[in-house]
Protein backbone atom coordinates (compact mmCIF):
# COMPACT_ATOMS: atom_id res chain seq x y z
CA UNK A 1 106.30 168.61 82.68
CA UNK A 2 108.74 170.71 81.84
CA UNK A 3 107.13 173.35 83.99
CA UNK A 4 107.00 170.91 87.07
CA UNK A 5 111.22 170.54 86.60
CA UNK A 6 111.24 174.18 86.86
CA UNK A 7 109.29 175.00 89.69
CA UNK A 8 112.44 174.79 92.31
CA UNK A 9 115.36 175.08 89.57
CA UNK A 10 118.43 176.83 91.40
CA UNK A 11 119.98 179.40 89.18
CA UNK A 12 123.47 179.42 87.69
CA UNK A 13 125.77 181.97 85.77
CA UNK A 14 127.99 180.20 83.04
CA UNK A 15 131.37 180.49 82.80
CA UNK A 16 134.01 181.14 80.30
CA UNK A 17 134.81 177.77 78.44
CA UNK A 18 130.82 176.41 79.74
CA UNK A 19 128.81 173.63 77.45
CA UNK A 20 125.50 172.21 78.43
CA UNK A 21 127.67 168.42 78.38
CA UNK A 22 129.82 169.88 80.43
CA UNK A 23 127.17 171.25 83.05
CA UNK A 24 125.35 168.26 83.14
CA UNK A 25 128.15 166.07 83.70
CA UNK A 26 129.39 168.31 86.19
CA UNK A 27 126.32 168.62 87.93
CA UNK A 28 124.15 165.56 87.04
CA UNK A 29 126.64 163.35 86.65
CA UNK A 30 125.80 162.19 82.65
CA UNK A 31 126.15 164.79 80.04
CA UNK A 32 123.82 162.68 78.23
CA UNK A 33 121.49 165.26 79.76
CA UNK A 34 122.30 168.07 78.06
CA UNK A 35 119.28 168.72 75.63
CA UNK A 36 117.27 167.89 78.73
CA UNK A 37 118.83 171.26 80.18
CA UNK A 38 118.97 172.79 77.06
CA UNK A 39 114.95 173.03 76.73
CA UNK A 40 114.22 174.13 80.17
CA UNK A 41 116.74 177.14 79.04
CA UNK A 42 115.52 177.58 75.94
CA UNK A 43 119.31 176.67 74.35
CA UNK A 44 119.54 174.34 71.38
CA UNK A 45 123.08 174.30 70.81
CA UNK A 46 125.24 172.56 73.65
CA UNK A 47 128.33 174.48 72.77
CA UNK A 48 129.87 178.28 73.00
CA UNK A 49 127.50 179.11 75.53
CA UNK A 50 128.78 182.67 76.67
CA UNK A 51 127.68 184.05 79.68
CA UNK A 52 124.00 183.51 80.10
CA UNK A 53 122.23 182.77 83.34
CA UNK A 54 120.72 179.52 83.17
CA UNK A 55 118.27 177.46 85.84
CA UNK A 56 119.05 174.01 86.60
CA UNK A 57 116.29 171.61 87.52
CA UNK A 58 116.88 169.85 90.98
CA UNK A 59 115.48 166.48 88.67
CA UNK A 60 116.75 165.80 85.16
CA UNK A 61 114.84 162.51 83.94
CA UNK A 62 115.40 161.25 87.76
CA UNK A 63 119.02 162.44 88.30
CA UNK A 64 119.35 164.71 91.58
CA UNK A 65 121.79 168.03 90.81
CA UNK A 66 124.92 167.71 92.88
CA UNK A 67 124.35 170.65 94.87
CA UNK A 68 128.15 169.71 96.41
CA UNK A 69 129.27 170.39 93.09
CA UNK A 70 128.22 174.62 93.22
CA UNK A 71 130.63 177.03 93.87
CA UNK A 72 127.91 178.74 96.12
CA UNK A 73 126.35 176.54 99.18
CA UNK A 74 122.84 175.74 98.23
CA UNK A 75 121.54 177.39 101.06
CA UNK A 76 122.72 180.77 99.77
CA UNK A 77 120.77 180.29 96.15
CA UNK A 78 117.20 181.77 95.87
CA UNK A 79 114.75 179.32 94.53
CA UNK A 80 113.38 180.56 91.12
CA UNK A 81 109.67 179.82 90.13
CA UNK A 82 108.46 179.48 86.58
CA UNK A 83 104.99 179.02 85.56
């Protein structure tokens, strides 16, 4: 299932102060999804991410990503396919 979620994931570079909780609240409207985002990126600690490149699945547990909350318009993202 995880592989299917990442098939058309959107890349996201974290910024200082970002946490998995904050990212899932911002882009999915539900901070409780942080562990799923962590699993998708092989991150277990939701705090102190530093500057890393994440993949944001377009759908986490039925919750669609909110492209209007990305800094760059969605049409400018390259789709990243992960086997």
